[in-house]
N, C-alpha and C. Protein backbone atom coordinates (compact mmCIF):
# COMPACT_ATOMS: atom_id res chain seq x y z
N MET A 1 61.88 63.75 27.41
CA MET A 1 62.27 63.03 26.40
C MET A 1 60.86 61.91 26.73
N SER A 2 60.43 62.09 25.20
CA SER A 2 59.80 60.93 24.95
C SER A 2 59.93 59.89 23.92
N ASP A 3 59.22 58.48 24.52
CA ASP A 3 59.26 57.54 23.85
C ASP A 3 58.68 56.94 23.20
N GLN A 4 59.38 57.12 21.95
CA GLN A 4 58.79 57.44 20.52
C GLN A 4 60.00 55.68 20.31
N ARG A 5 58.50 55.05 19.62
CA ARG A 5 59.08 53.04 19.55
C ARG A 5 58.97 53.04 18.04
N GLN A 6 59.32 52.49 17.03
CA GLN A 6 59.38 51.96 15.94
C GLN A 6 59.13 51.15 15.94
N PRO A 7 58.27 51.34 14.91
CA PRO A 7 57.64 49.67 14.01
C PRO A 7 58.17 49.28 13.16
N LEU A 8 58.12 47.30 13.87
CA LEU A 8 58.77 46.55 13.64
C LEU A 8 58.94 46.40 12.19
N PRO A 9 59.63 46.11 11.35
CA PRO A 9 59.97 45.50 10.16
C PRO A 9 58.93 44.36 9.93
N GLU A 10 57.85 44.72 8.59
CA GLU A 10 57.40 43.86 7.82
C GLU A 10 58.43 42.61 6.76
N PRO A 11 58.05 41.40 7.69
CA PRO A 11 58.17 40.41 6.78
C PRO A 11 58.05 39.89 5.29
N PRO A 12 58.46 39.38 4.73
CA PRO A 12 59.11 39.88 3.03
C PRO A 12 57.52 38.98 2.90
N PRO A 13 57.39 39.66 1.61
CA PRO A 13 55.53 39.24 1.47
C PRO A 13 55.59 37.26 1.19
N GLY A 14 54.92 36.63 0.92
CA GLY A 14 54.91 35.32 1.42
C GLY A 14 56.29 34.44 2.16
N ARG A 15 57.06 35.15 3.14
CA ARG A 15 57.32 34.25 3.60
C ARG A 15 56.53 33.68 5.15
N GLY A 16 55.37 34.31 5.76
CA GLY A 16 54.58 33.15 6.44
C GLY A 16 54.33 32.44 6.05
N SER A 17 53.88 32.74 4.47
CA SER A 17 52.75 31.15 4.74
C SER A 17 53.74 29.76 3.70
N GLN A 18 55.29 30.39 4.45
CA GLN A 18 55.81 29.53 3.07
C GLN A 18 56.39 28.47 4.42
N ASN A 19 56.19 28.90 5.21
CA ASN A 19 56.94 28.72 7.23
C ASN A 19 55.82 28.37 7.66
N THR A 20 54.14 28.64 7.76
CA THR A 20 53.11 27.46 8.09
C THR A 20 52.60 26.56 6.91
N LEU A 21 52.84 26.73 6.09
CA LEU A 21 53.12 25.39 5.03
C LEU A 21 54.10 24.14 5.28
N PHE A 22 55.47 24.60 5.67
CA PHE A 22 56.41 24.11 6.29
C PHE A 22 56.39 23.90 7.50
N PHE A 23 55.38 23.81 8.63
CA PHE A 23 54.82 23.67 9.49
C PHE A 23 53.85 22.71 9.59
N ILE A 24 52.81 22.35 8.53
CA ILE A 24 51.85 21.71 8.26
C ILE A 24 52.54 20.69 8.23
N VAL A 25 53.50 20.08 6.75
CA VAL A 25 54.24 19.02 6.21
C VAL A 25 54.45 18.90 7.42
N GLY A 26 55.36 19.23 7.72
CA GLY A 26 56.62 18.53 9.15
C GLY A 26 55.27 17.77 10.06
N GLY A 27 54.31 18.72 10.41
CA GLY A 27 53.56 17.60 11.22
C GLY A 27 52.55 16.28 10.76
N LEU A 28 52.41 16.70 9.14
CA LEU A 28 52.06 15.38 8.63
C LEU A 28 52.61 14.19 8.76
N VAL A 29 54.22 14.62 8.26
CA VAL A 29 55.31 13.82 8.55
C VAL A 29 54.99 13.04 9.93
N VAL A 30 55.86 13.55 10.52
CA VAL A 30 55.48 12.77 12.04
C VAL A 30 54.02 12.19 12.58
N LEU A 31 52.69 12.43 11.90
CA LEU A 31 52.16 11.68 12.37
C LEU A 31 51.85 10.52 11.51
N VAL A 32 52.56 10.61 10.55
CA VAL A 32 52.55 9.43 8.87
C VAL A 32 53.01 8.20 9.85
N GLY A 33 54.52 8.87 10.51
CA GLY A 33 55.80 8.08 11.01
C GLY A 33 54.42 6.49 11.96
N ILE A 34 54.44 7.85 13.44
CA ILE A 34 53.45 7.57 14.72
C ILE A 34 52.76 6.31 13.90
N LEU A 35 51.73 6.71 12.97
CA LEU A 35 50.96 5.88 12.82
C LEU A 35 51.73 4.68 12.60
N ALA A 36 52.61 4.69 11.05
CA ALA A 36 53.32 3.52 10.63
C ALA A 36 54.16 2.34 11.89
N PHE A 37 54.38 3.52 13.09
CA PHE A 37 55.12 2.75 14.48
C PHE A 37 53.78 1.84 15.03
N VAL A 38 52.84 2.58 14.72
CA VAL A 38 52.13 1.43 15.82
C VAL A 38 51.10 0.40 15.03
N MET A 39 51.27 0.44 14.10
CA MET A 39 50.33 -0.34 12.70
C MET A 39 51.76 -1.77 12.54
N PHE A 40 52.53 -1.11 12.41
CA PHE A 40 53.64 -2.21 11.33
C PHE A 40 54.54 -2.84 12.47
N GLY A 41 55.34 -1.82 13.46
CA GLY A 41 56.50 -1.96 14.32
C GLY A 41 55.78 -1.85 15.56
N GLY A 42 57.12 -2.01 16.16
CA GLY A 42 56.99 -2.00 18.02
C GLY A 42 55.82 -3.78 18.59
N ASP A 43 56.66 -4.19 20.16
CA ASP A 43 55.80 -5.19 20.03
C ASP A 43 54.71 -4.74 20.53
N SER A 44 53.89 -5.96 20.05
CA SER A 44 52.19 -5.62 20.10
C SER A 44 51.26 -7.59 20.68
N GLY A 45 52.53 -7.65 20.88
CA GLY A 45 51.61 -8.42 21.87
C GLY A 45 51.01 -9.67 21.53
N THR A 46 51.16 -9.86 20.01
CA THR A 46 49.96 -11.03 19.34
C THR A 46 50.84 -12.38 19.41
N GLY A 47 52.43 -12.03 19.39
CA GLY A 47 52.31 -13.55 19.08
C GLY A 47 52.25 -14.37 20.49
N PRO A 48 53.09 -15.30 20.62
CA PRO A 48 53.20 -16.71 21.33
C PRO A 48 53.55 -16.24 23.03
N SER A 49 53.16 -17.09 23.96
CA SER A 49 53.17 -15.93 25.16
C SER A 49 54.18 -17.31 25.50
N ARG A 50 54.96 -16.83 26.25
CA ARG A 50 56.46 -17.55 26.77
C ARG A 50 56.00 -17.20 29.03
N THR A 51 54.88 -16.92 28.86
CA THR A 51 54.96 -17.79 30.49
C THR A 51 54.17 -18.46 30.67
N ARG A 52 54.10 -19.49 31.99
CA ARG A 52 53.57 -20.57 32.21
C ARG A 52 52.05 -20.18 33.03
N THR A 53 51.34 -20.88 32.65
CA THR A 53 49.36 -20.63 33.45
C THR A 53 49.43 -21.90 33.81
N THR A 54 49.04 -21.73 35.44
CA THR A 54 48.25 -23.71 35.67
C THR A 54 47.16 -23.08 35.74
N ALA A 55 46.69 -23.81 35.93
CA ALA A 55 44.63 -23.78 35.89
C ALA A 55 44.37 -25.16 38.03
N GLU A 56 44.35 -24.46 38.72
CA GLU A 56 43.39 -25.33 39.75
C GLU A 56 42.11 -25.06 40.25
N GLU A 57 41.30 -26.86 40.65
CA GLU A 57 40.45 -27.26 41.18
C GLU A 57 40.34 -26.17 41.75
N PRO A 58 38.86 -25.10 42.49
CA PRO A 58 38.05 -24.45 42.88
C PRO A 58 38.06 -25.09 44.23
N ALA A 59 38.77 -24.98 45.36
CA ALA A 59 37.54 -24.94 46.82
C ALA A 59 36.32 -25.92 46.90
N SER A 60 36.26 -27.70 47.51
CA SER A 60 35.15 -27.61 47.17
C SER A 60 34.65 -27.05 49.28
N ASP A 61 33.30 -27.14 49.10
CA ASP A 61 32.99 -27.12 50.96
C ASP A 61 33.01 -27.33 51.44
N THR A 62 33.29 -29.06 51.60
CA THR A 62 33.98 -29.27 52.52
C THR A 62 35.35 -29.23 52.92
N ASP A 63 36.27 -28.77 52.04
CA ASP A 63 37.40 -28.51 52.31
C ASP A 63 37.94 -26.84 52.75
N THR A 64 36.95 -26.21 52.66
CA THR A 64 37.46 -24.71 53.55
C THR A 64 37.18 -25.02 55.24
N ASP A 65 36.04 -25.49 55.45
CA ASP A 65 35.86 -25.91 56.63
C ASP A 65 36.32 -27.60 57.11
N THR A 66 37.42 -26.59 58.16
CA THR A 66 38.18 -27.69 58.49
C THR A 66 38.30 -27.47 60.33
N THR A 67 37.51 -26.86 60.92
CA THR A 67 37.21 -26.34 62.87
C THR A 67 36.54 -27.99 62.82
N THR A 68 36.45 -27.51 63.75
CA THR A 68 35.50 -29.44 64.59
C THR A 68 34.89 -28.70 65.33
N ALA A 69 34.07 -29.13 66.31
CA ALA A 69 32.94 -28.57 67.58
C ALA A 69 33.06 -29.13 68.38
N GLN A 70 33.37 -28.77 69.58
CA GLN A 70 33.92 -29.92 70.21
C GLN A 70 32.87 -28.30 71.74
């Protein structure tokens, strides 16, 4: 028995370029959606902060040496 394979049928003319166009347009729509979310949506952290911070004075040289020589 010889194994002769039939060639695959060719798609209708013009259909491949239409699928490519749909793919490109879909990618652009997703890209615009992501850019719009980054620019206008989401929490960008530029609002007022709700965390409390405290400032401490640095220790002086005399505060760090508490040992006495004997």
